[in-house]
PDB file of all heavy atoms in Angstrom:
ATOM      1  N   MET A   1      -0.283 -22.863 -25.559  1.00  0.00           N
ATOM      2  CA  MET A   1      -0.061 -21.441 -25.530  1.00  0.00           C
ATOM      3  C   MET A   1       0.138 -20.993 -24.038  1.00  0.00           C
ATOM      4  O   MET A   1      -0.184 -21.746 -23.109  1.00  0.00           O
ATOM      5  CB  MET A   1      -1.214 -20.624 -26.151  1.00  0.00           C
ATOM      6  CG  MET A   1      -2.544 -20.829 -25.412  1.00  0.00           C
ATOM      7  SD  MET A   1      -3.730 -19.621 -26.023  1.00  0.00           S
ATOM      8  CE  MET A   1      -3.095 -18.097 -25.320  1.00  0.00           C
ATOM      9  N   ASN A   2       0.651 -19.779 -23.872  1.00  0.00           N
ATOM     10  CA  ASN A   2       0.979 -19.313 -22.519  1.00  0.00           C
ATOM     11  C   ASN A   2      -0.233 -18.758 -21.857  1.00  0.00           C
ATOM     12  O   ASN A   2      -1.065 -18.055 -22.480  1.00  0.00           O
ATOM     13  CB  ASN A   2       2.043 -18.250 -22.633  1.00  0.00           C
ATOM     14  CG  ASN A   2       3.381 -18.817 -23.117  1.00  0.00           C
ATOM     15  OD1 ASN A   2       3.726 -19.972 -22.849  1.00  0.00           O
ATOM     16  ND2 ASN A   2       4.126 -18.026 -23.863  1.00  0.00           N
ATOM     17  N   ALA A   3      -0.310 -19.000 -20.556  1.00  0.00           N
ATOM     18  CA  ALA A   3      -1.381 -18.408 -19.727  1.00  0.00           C
ATOM     19  C   ALA A   3      -0.997 -16.890 -19.446  1.00  0.00           C
ATOM     20  O   ALA A   3       0.145 -16.596 -19.529  1.00  0.00           O
ATOM     21  CB  ALA A   3      -1.526 -19.199 -18.438  1.00  0.00           C
ATOM     22  N   PRO A   4      -1.999 -16.139 -19.082  1.00  0.00           N
ATOM     23  CA  PRO A   4      -1.660 -14.736 -18.621  1.00  0.00           C
ATOM     24  C   PRO A   4      -0.587 -14.709 -17.612  1.00  0.00           C
ATOM     25  O   PRO A   4      -0.611 -15.485 -16.696  1.00  0.00           O
ATOM     26  CB  PRO A   4      -2.982 -14.124 -18.234  1.00  0.00           C
ATOM     27  CG  PRO A   4      -4.008 -14.990 -18.950  1.00  0.00           C
ATOM     28  CD  PRO A   4      -3.420 -16.387 -18.953  1.00  0.00           C
ATOM     29  N   SER A   5       0.347 -13.710 -17.702  1.00  0.00           N
ATOM     30  CA  SER A   5       1.461 -13.707 -16.773  1.00  0.00           C
ATOM     31  C   SER A   5       1.020 -13.028 -15.444  1.00  0.00           C
ATOM     32  O   SER A   5      -0.017 -12.453 -15.325  1.00  0.00           O
ATOM     33  CB  SER A   5       2.572 -12.875 -17.402  1.00  0.00           C
ATOM     34  OG  SER A   5       2.158 -11.504 -17.515  1.00  0.00           O
ATOM     35  N   VAL A   6       1.903 -13.218 -14.432  1.00  0.00           N
ATOM     36  CA  VAL A   6       1.708 -12.582 -13.141  1.00  0.00           C
ATOM     37  C   VAL A   6       1.602 -11.076 -13.277  1.00  0.00           C
ATOM     38  O   VAL A   6       0.706 -10.437 -12.643  1.00  0.00           O
ATOM     39  CB  VAL A   6       2.850 -12.948 -12.250  1.00  0.00           C
ATOM     40  CG1 VAL A   6       2.659 -12.199 -10.862  1.00  0.00           C
ATOM     41  CG2 VAL A   6       2.872 -14.408 -11.956  1.00  0.00           C
ATOM     42  N   ILE A   7       2.382 -10.475 -14.153  1.00  0.00           N
ATOM     43  CA  ILE A   7       2.376  -9.036 -14.348  1.00  0.00           C
ATOM     44  C   ILE A   7       1.012  -8.580 -14.913  1.00  0.00           C
ATOM     45  O   ILE A   7       0.488  -7.569 -14.487  1.00  0.00           O
ATOM     46  CB  ILE A   7       3.550  -8.583 -15.306  1.00  0.00           C
ATOM     47  CG1 ILE A   7       4.874  -8.945 -14.668  1.00  0.00           C
ATOM     48  CG2 ILE A   7       3.356  -7.130 -15.663  1.00  0.00           C
ATOM     49  CD1 ILE A   7       6.090  -8.550 -15.511  1.00  0.00           C
ATOM     50  N   GLN A   8       0.525  -9.329 -15.814  1.00  0.00           N
ATOM     51  CA  GLN A   8      -0.856  -9.035 -16.395  1.00  0.00           C
ATOM     52  C   GLN A   8      -1.950  -9.063 -15.318  1.00  0.00           C
ATOM     53  O   GLN A   8      -2.729  -8.129 -15.223  1.00  0.00           O
ATOM     54  CB  GLN A   8      -1.223 -10.035 -17.555  1.00  0.00           C
ATOM     55  CG  GLN A   8      -0.440  -9.799 -18.819  1.00  0.00           C
ATOM     56  CD  GLN A   8      -0.752 -10.822 -19.835  1.00  0.00           C
ATOM     57  OE1 GLN A   8      -0.571 -12.046 -19.629  1.00  0.00           O
ATOM     58  NE2 GLN A   8      -1.467 -10.382 -20.921  1.00  0.00           N
ATOM     59  N   TYR A   9      -1.839 -10.082 -14.460  1.00  0.00           N
ATOM     60  CA  TYR A   9      -2.792 -10.176 -13.356  1.00  0.00           C
ATOM     61  C   TYR A   9      -2.678  -9.054 -12.344  1.00  0.00           C
ATOM     62  O   TYR A   9      -3.584  -8.472 -11.858  1.00  0.00           O
ATOM     63  CB  TYR A   9      -2.705 -11.511 -12.683  1.00  0.00           C
ATOM     64  CG  TYR A   9      -3.584 -12.661 -13.349  1.00  0.00           C
ATOM     65  CD1 TYR A   9      -3.036 -13.633 -14.090  1.00  0.00           C
ATOM     66  CD2 TYR A   9      -5.049 -12.543 -13.266  1.00  0.00           C
ATOM     67  CE1 TYR A   9      -3.820 -14.618 -14.705  1.00  0.00           C
ATOM     68  CE2 TYR A   9      -5.799 -13.507 -13.862  1.00  0.00           C
ATOM     69  CZ  TYR A   9      -5.196 -14.546 -14.573  1.00  0.00           C
ATOM     70  OH  TYR A   9      -5.981 -15.527 -15.178  1.00  0.00           O
ATOM     71  N   LEU A  10      -1.364  -8.708 -12.009  1.00  0.00           N
ATOM     72  CA  LEU A  10      -1.088  -7.664 -11.084  1.00  0.00           C
ATOM     73  C   LEU A  10      -1.653  -6.349 -11.723  1.00  0.00           C
ATOM     74  O   LEU A  10      -2.251  -5.507 -10.946  1.00  0.00           O
ATOM     75  CB  LEU A  10       0.339  -7.578 -10.794  1.00  0.00           C
ATOM     76  CG  LEU A  10       0.859  -8.665  -9.917  1.00  0.00           C
ATOM     77  CD1 LEU A  10       2.374  -8.555  -9.748  1.00  0.00           C
ATOM     78  CD2 LEU A  10       0.197  -8.743  -8.554  1.00  0.00           C
ATOM     79  N   LEU A  11      -1.384  -6.099 -12.949  1.00  0.00           N
ATOM     80  CA  LEU A  11      -1.846  -4.846 -13.549  1.00  0.00           C
ATOM     81  C   LEU A  11      -3.416  -4.810 -13.586  1.00  0.00           C
ATOM     82  O   LEU A  11      -3.955  -3.707 -13.259  1.00  0.00           O
ATOM     83  CB  LEU A  11      -1.357  -4.736 -14.994  1.00  0.00           C
ATOM     84  CG  LEU A  11      -1.686  -3.432 -15.734  1.00  0.00           C
ATOM     85  CD1 LEU A  11      -1.236  -2.223 -14.966  1.00  0.00           C
ATOM     86  CD2 LEU A  11      -1.006  -3.531 -17.133  1.00  0.00           C
ATOM     87  N   LEU A  12      -4.068  -5.930 -13.907  1.00  0.00           N
ATOM     88  CA  LEU A  12      -5.497  -5.942 -13.856  1.00  0.00           C
ATOM     89  C   LEU A  12      -5.975  -5.773 -12.417  1.00  0.00           C
ATOM     90  O   LEU A  12      -7.061  -5.108 -12.168  1.00  0.00           O
ATOM     91  CB  LEU A  12      -5.929  -7.253 -14.429  1.00  0.00           C
ATOM     92  CG  LEU A  12      -7.483  -7.347 -14.642  1.00  0.00           C
ATOM     93  CD1 LEU A  12      -7.979  -6.305 -15.622  1.00  0.00           C
ATOM     94  CD2 LEU A  12      -7.978  -8.778 -15.129  1.00  0.00           C
ATOM     95  N   ALA A  13      -5.317  -6.296 -11.497  1.00  0.00           N
ATOM     96  CA  ALA A  13      -5.634  -6.111 -10.045  1.00  0.00           C
ATOM     97  C   ALA A  13      -5.588  -4.682  -9.658  1.00  0.00           C
ATOM     98  O   ALA A  13      -6.446  -4.198  -8.880  1.00  0.00           O
ATOM     99  CB  ALA A  13      -4.753  -7.024  -9.204  1.00  0.00           C
ATOM    100  N   VAL A  14      -4.585  -3.977 -10.163  1.00  0.00           N
ATOM    101  CA  VAL A  14      -4.485  -2.509  -9.840  1.00  0.00           C
ATOM    102  C   VAL A  14      -5.640  -1.799 -10.418  1.00  0.00           C
ATOM    103  O   VAL A  14      -6.220  -0.920  -9.782  1.00  0.00           O
ATOM    104  CB  VAL A  14      -3.130  -1.984 -10.431  1.00  0.00           C
ATOM    105  CG1 VAL A  14      -3.145  -0.438 -10.340  1.00  0.00           C
ATOM    106  CG2 VAL A  14      -1.922  -2.561  -9.693  1.00  0.00           C
ATOM    107  N   LEU A  15      -6.030  -2.121 -11.634  1.00  0.00           N
ATOM    108  CA  LEU A  15      -7.204  -1.491 -12.331  1.00  0.00           C
ATOM    109  C   LEU A  15      -8.515  -1.804 -11.569  1.00  0.00           C
ATOM    110  O   LEU A  15      -9.365  -0.988 -11.420  1.00  0.00           O
ATOM    111  CB  LEU A  15      -7.266  -1.908 -13.812  1.00  0.00           C
ATOM    112  CG  LEU A  15      -6.137  -1.464 -14.626  1.00  0.00           C
ATOM    113  CD1 LEU A  15      -6.260  -2.054 -16.078  1.00  0.00           C
ATOM    114  CD2 LEU A  15      -6.117   0.068 -14.756  1.00  0.00           C
ATOM    115  N   LEU A  16      -8.585  -3.085 -11.155  1.00  0.00           N
ATOM    116  CA  LEU A  16      -9.754  -3.488 -10.422  1.00  0.00           C
ATOM    117  C   LEU A  16      -9.854  -2.697  -9.088  1.00  0.00           C
ATOM    118  O   LEU A  16     -10.903  -2.293  -8.597  1.00  0.00           O
ATOM    119  CB  LEU A  16      -9.740  -5.014 -10.066  1.00  0.00           C
ATOM    120  CG  LEU A  16     -10.880  -5.567  -9.201  1.00  0.00           C
ATOM    121  CD1 LEU A  16     -12.199  -5.268  -9.834  1.00  0.00           C
ATOM    122  CD2 LEU A  16     -10.702  -7.049  -8.984  1.00  0.00           C
ATOM    123  N   SER A  17      -8.676  -2.553  -8.359  1.00  0.00           N
ATOM    124  CA  SER A  17      -8.671  -1.774  -7.123  1.00  0.00           C
ATOM    125  C   SER A  17      -9.113  -0.353  -7.417  1.00  0.00           C
ATOM    126  O   SER A  17      -9.847   0.217  -6.642  1.00  0.00           O
ATOM    127  CB  SER A  17      -7.272  -1.788  -6.547  1.00  0.00           C
ATOM    128  OG  SER A  17      -6.865  -3.108  -6.259  1.00  0.00           O
ATOM    129  N   ALA A  18      -8.723   0.194  -8.502  1.00  0.00           N
ATOM    130  CA  ALA A  18      -9.065   1.630  -8.872  1.00  0.00           C
ATOM    131  C   ALA A  18     -10.619   1.614  -9.126  1.00  0.00           C
ATOM    132  O   ALA A  18     -11.322   2.603  -8.700  1.00  0.00           O
ATOM    133  CB  ALA A  18      -8.397   2.052 -10.147  1.00  0.00           C
ATOM    134  N   ALA A  19     -11.123   0.600  -9.721  1.00  0.00           N
ATOM    135  CA  ALA A  19     -12.651   0.552  -9.939  1.00  0.00           C
ATOM    136  C   ALA A  19     -13.413   0.452  -8.644  1.00  0.00           C
ATOM    137  O   ALA A  19     -14.400   1.071  -8.410  1.00  0.00           O
ATOM    138  CB  ALA A  19     -12.978  -0.631 -10.868  1.00  0.00           C
ATOM    139  N   LEU A  20     -12.850  -0.314  -7.709  1.00  0.00           N
ATOM    140  CA  LEU A  20     -13.438  -0.517  -6.433  1.00  0.00           C
ATOM    141  C   LEU A  20     -13.406   0.788  -5.649  1.00  0.00           C
ATOM    142  O   LEU A  20     -14.346   1.152  -4.889  1.00  0.00           O
ATOM    143  CB  LEU A  20     -12.797  -1.643  -5.658  1.00  0.00           C
ATOM    144  CG  LEU A  20     -13.013  -3.050  -6.131  1.00  0.00           C
ATOM    145  CD1 LEU A  20     -12.209  -4.098  -5.361  1.00  0.00           C
ATOM    146  CD2 LEU A  20     -14.531  -3.396  -6.103  1.00  0.00           C
ATOM    147  N   VAL A  21     -12.311   1.525  -5.750  1.00  0.00           N
ATOM    148  CA  VAL A  21     -12.227   2.853  -5.128  1.00  0.00           C
ATOM    149  C   VAL A  21     -13.264   3.754  -5.711  1.00  0.00           C
ATOM    150  O   VAL A  21     -13.885   4.526  -4.969  1.00  0.00           O
ATOM    151  CB  VAL A  21     -10.784   3.438  -5.287  1.00  0.00           C
ATOM    152  CG1 VAL A  21     -10.709   4.930  -4.873  1.00  0.00           C
ATOM    153  CG2 VAL A  21      -9.771   2.624  -4.504  1.00  0.00           C
ATOM    154  N   ALA A  22     -13.383   3.788  -7.030  1.00  0.00           N
ATOM    155  CA  ALA A  22     -14.454   4.579  -7.680  1.00  0.00           C
ATOM    156  C   ALA A  22     -15.816   4.206  -7.167  1.00  0.00           C
ATOM    157  O   ALA A  22     -16.653   5.086  -6.949  1.00  0.00           O
ATOM    158  CB  ALA A  22     -14.348   4.463  -9.216  1.00  0.00           C
ATOM    159  N   LEU A  23     -16.037   2.896  -7.018  1.00  0.00           N
ATOM    160  CA  LEU A  23     -17.339   2.409  -6.436  1.00  0.00           C
ATOM    161  C   LEU A  23     -17.591   2.988  -5.074  1.00  0.00           C
ATOM    162  O   LEU A  23     -18.658   3.517  -4.734  1.00  0.00           O
ATOM    163  CB  LEU A  23     -17.390   0.924  -6.468  1.00  0.00           C
ATOM    164  CG  LEU A  23     -18.584   0.306  -5.766  1.00  0.00           C
ATOM    165  CD1 LEU A  23     -19.901   0.636  -6.501  1.00  0.00           C
ATOM    166  CD2 LEU A  23     -18.431  -1.234  -5.759  1.00  0.00           C
ATOM    167  N   ALA A  24     -16.525   2.900  -4.220  1.00  0.00           N
ATOM    168  CA  ALA A  24     -16.614   3.385  -2.761  1.00  0.00           C
ATOM    169  C   ALA A  24     -16.801   4.927  -2.792  1.00  0.00           C
ATOM    170  O   ALA A  24     -17.660   5.381  -2.022  1.00  0.00           O
ATOM    171  CB  ALA A  24     -15.356   3.032  -2.072  1.00  0.00           C
ATOM    172  N   VAL A  25     -16.131   5.623  -3.632  1.00  0.00           N
ATOM    173  CA  VAL A  25     -16.286   7.097  -3.712  1.00  0.00           C
ATOM    174  C   VAL A  25     -17.719   7.453  -4.108  1.00  0.00           C
ATOM    175  O   VAL A  25     -18.366   8.370  -3.556  1.00  0.00           O
ATOM    176  CB  VAL A  25     -15.248   7.750  -4.696  1.00  0.00           C
ATOM    177  CG1 VAL A  25     -15.516   9.141  -4.908  1.00  0.00           C
ATOM    178  CG2 VAL A  25     -13.861   7.573  -4.122  1.00  0.00           C
ATOM    179  N   GLY A  26     -18.239   6.770  -5.081  1.00  0.00           N
ATOM    180  CA  GLY A  26     -19.587   6.999  -5.579  1.00  0.00           C
ATOM    181  C   GLY A  26     -20.625   6.750  -4.478  1.00  0.00           C
ATOM    182  O   GLY A  26     -21.599   7.507  -4.336  1.00  0.00           O
ATOM    183  N   LEU A  27     -20.411   5.642  -3.761  1.00  0.00           N
ATOM    184  CA  LEU A  27     -21.369   5.347  -2.715  1.00  0.00           C
ATOM    185  C   LEU A  27     -21.227   6.355  -1.567  1.00  0.00           C
ATOM    186  O   LEU A  27     -22.214   6.702  -0.876  1.00  0.00           O
ATOM    187  CB  LEU A  27     -21.141   3.878  -2.177  1.00  0.00           C
ATOM    188  CG  LEU A  27     -21.447   2.815  -3.239  1.00  0.00           C
ATOM    189  CD1 LEU A  27     -21.140   1.464  -2.647  1.00  0.00           C
ATOM    190  CD2 LEU A  27     -22.979   2.885  -3.641  1.00  0.00           C
ATOM    191  N   ARG A  28     -20.012   6.802  -1.313  1.00  0.00           N
ATOM    192  CA  ARG A  28     -19.767   7.804  -0.355  1.00  0.00           C
ATOM    193  C   ARG A  28     -20.507   9.123  -0.675  1.00  0.00           C
ATOM    194  O   ARG A  28     -21.008   9.743   0.223  1.00  0.00           O
ATOM    195  CB  ARG A  28     -18.319   8.048  -0.090  1.00  0.00           C
ATOM    196  CG  ARG A  28     -17.944   9.059   0.978  1.00  0.00           C
ATOM    197  CD  ARG A  28     -16.391   9.126   1.287  1.00  0.00           C
ATOM    198  NE  ARG A  28     -16.079  10.052   2.252  1.00  0.00           N
ATOM    199  CZ  ARG A  28     -15.799  11.353   1.987  1.00  0.00           C
ATOM    200  NH1 ARG A  28     -15.859  11.841   0.785  1.00  0.00           N
ATOM    201  NH2 ARG A  28     -15.533  12.141   3.051  1.00  0.00           N
ATOM    202  N   ARG A  29     -20.534   9.407  -1.932  1.00  0.00           N
ATOM    203  CA  ARG A  29     -21.198  10.617  -2.361  1.00  0.00           C
ATOM    204  C   ARG A  29     -22.707  10.436  -2.037  1.00  0.00           C
ATOM    205  O   ARG A  29     -23.368  11.462  -1.707  1.00  0.00           O
ATOM    206  CB  ARG A  29     -20.982  10.822  -3.885  1.00  0.00           C
ATOM    207  CG  ARG A  29     -21.609  12.065  -4.430  1.00  0.00           C
ATOM    208  CD  ARG A  29     -21.354  12.225  -5.921  1.00  0.00           C
ATOM    209  NE  ARG A  29     -22.061  11.188  -6.772  1.00  0.00           N
ATOM    210  CZ  ARG A  29     -22.202  11.236  -8.015  1.00  0.00           C
ATOM    211  NH1 ARG A  29     -21.687  12.294  -8.664  1.00  0.00           N
ATOM    212  NH2 ARG A  29     -22.825  10.213  -8.673  1.00  0.00           N
ATOM    213  N   TYR A  30     -23.299   9.253  -2.236  1.00  0.00           N
ATOM    214  CA  TYR A  30     -24.692   9.030  -1.883  1.00  0.00           C
ATOM    215  C   TYR A  30     -24.884   9.319  -0.364  1.00  0.00           C
ATOM    216  O   TYR A  30     -25.907   9.930  -0.034  1.00  0.00           O
ATOM    217  CB  TYR A  30     -25.137   7.664  -2.245  1.00  0.00           C
ATOM    218  CG  TYR A  30     -25.587   7.513  -3.654  1.00  0.00           C
ATOM    219  CD1 TYR A  30     -24.833   6.832  -4.631  1.00  0.00           C
ATOM    220  CD2 TYR A  30     -26.860   8.100  -4.083  1.00  0.00           C
ATOM    221  CE1 TYR A  30     -25.291   6.734  -5.892  1.00  0.00           C
ATOM    222  CE2 TYR A  30     -27.274   7.979  -5.432  1.00  0.00           C
ATOM    223  CZ  TYR A  30     -26.494   7.298  -6.309  1.00  0.00           C
ATOM    224  OH  TYR A  30     -26.921   7.134  -7.606  1.00  0.00           O
ATOM    225  N   ARG A  31     -23.889   8.812   0.394  1.00  0.00           N
ATOM    226  CA  ARG A  31     -24.071   8.963   1.835  1.00  0.00           C
ATOM    227  C   ARG A  31     -24.071  10.450   2.222  1.00  0.00           C
ATOM    228  O   ARG A  31     -24.823  10.875   3.098  1.00  0.00           O
ATOM    229  CB  ARG A  31     -22.977   8.217   2.548  1.00  0.00           C
ATOM    230  CG  ARG A  31     -23.173   8.176   4.054  1.00  0.00           C
ATOM    231  CD  ARG A  31     -21.989   7.504   4.796  1.00  0.00           C
ATOM    232  NE  ARG A  31     -22.303   7.157   6.155  1.00  0.00           N
ATOM    233  CZ  ARG A  31     -22.373   8.062   7.189  1.00  0.00           C
ATOM    234  NH1 ARG A  31     -22.102   9.328   6.935  1.00  0.00           N
ATOM    235  NH2 ARG A  31     -22.707   7.688   8.448  1.00  0.00           N
ATOM    236  N   GLN A  32     -23.254  11.212   1.562  1.00  0.00           N
ATOM    237  CA  GLN A  32     -23.105  12.660   1.845  1.00  0.00           C
ATOM    238  C   GLN A  32     -24.431  13.373   1.463  1.00  0.00           C
ATOM    239  O   GLN A  32     -24.933  14.239   2.137  1.00  0.00           O
ATOM    240  CB  GLN A  32     -21.995  13.204   1.117  1.00  0.00           C
ATOM    241  CG  GLN A  32     -20.604  12.808   1.610  1.00  0.00           C
ATOM    242  CD  GLN A  32     -19.485  13.237   0.711  1.00  0.00           C
ATOM    243  OE1 GLN A  32     -19.610  13.479  -0.468  1.00  0.00           O
ATOM    244  NE2 GLN A  32     -18.282  13.346   1.333  1.00  0.00           N
ATOM    245  N   ARG A  33     -24.999  12.943   0.366  1.00  0.00           N
ATOM    246  CA  ARG A  33     -26.307  13.508  -0.062  1.00  0.00           C
ATOM    247  C   ARG A  33     -27.363  13.138   0.985  1.00  0.00           C
ATOM    248  O   ARG A  33     -28.146  14.037   1.346  1.00  0.00           O
ATOM    249  CB  ARG A  33     -26.632  13.004  -1.439  1.00  0.00           C
ATOM    250  CG  ARG A  33     -25.815  13.470  -2.602  1.00  0.00           C
ATOM    251  CD  ARG A  33     -26.237  12.683  -3.812  1.00  0.00           C
ATOM    252  NE  ARG A  33     -25.570  13.212  -5.007  1.00  0.00           N
ATOM    253  CZ  ARG A  33     -25.679  12.662  -6.219  1.00  0.00           C
ATOM    254  NH1 ARG A  33     -26.417  11.567  -6.381  1.00  0.00           N
ATOM    255  NH2 ARG A  33     -25.074  13.209  -7.300  1.00  0.00           N
ATOM    256  N   ILE A  34     -27.428  11.877   1.315  1.00  0.00           N
ATOM    257  CA  ILE A  34     -28.475  11.449   2.306  1.00  0.00           C
ATOM    258  C   ILE A  34     -28.266  12.159   3.626  1.00  0.00           C
ATOM    259  O   ILE A  34     -29.284  12.465   4.336  1.00  0.00           O
ATOM    260  CB  ILE A  34     -28.357   9.950   2.490  1.00  0.00           C
ATOM    261  CG1 ILE A  34     -28.757   9.252   1.189  1.00  0.00           C
ATOM    262  CG2 ILE A  34     -29.300   9.475   3.613  1.00  0.00           C
ATOM    263  CD1 ILE A  34     -28.421   7.755   1.103  1.00  0.00           C
TER     264      ILE A  34
END
């Protein structure tokens, strides 16, 4: 069977990048509170 395509990995990478941005924004909110 076929392995996941480059496009699938790129799309997942975009979503992962968004998740990391959300993580950074959340931690930045803690810094602002502190």
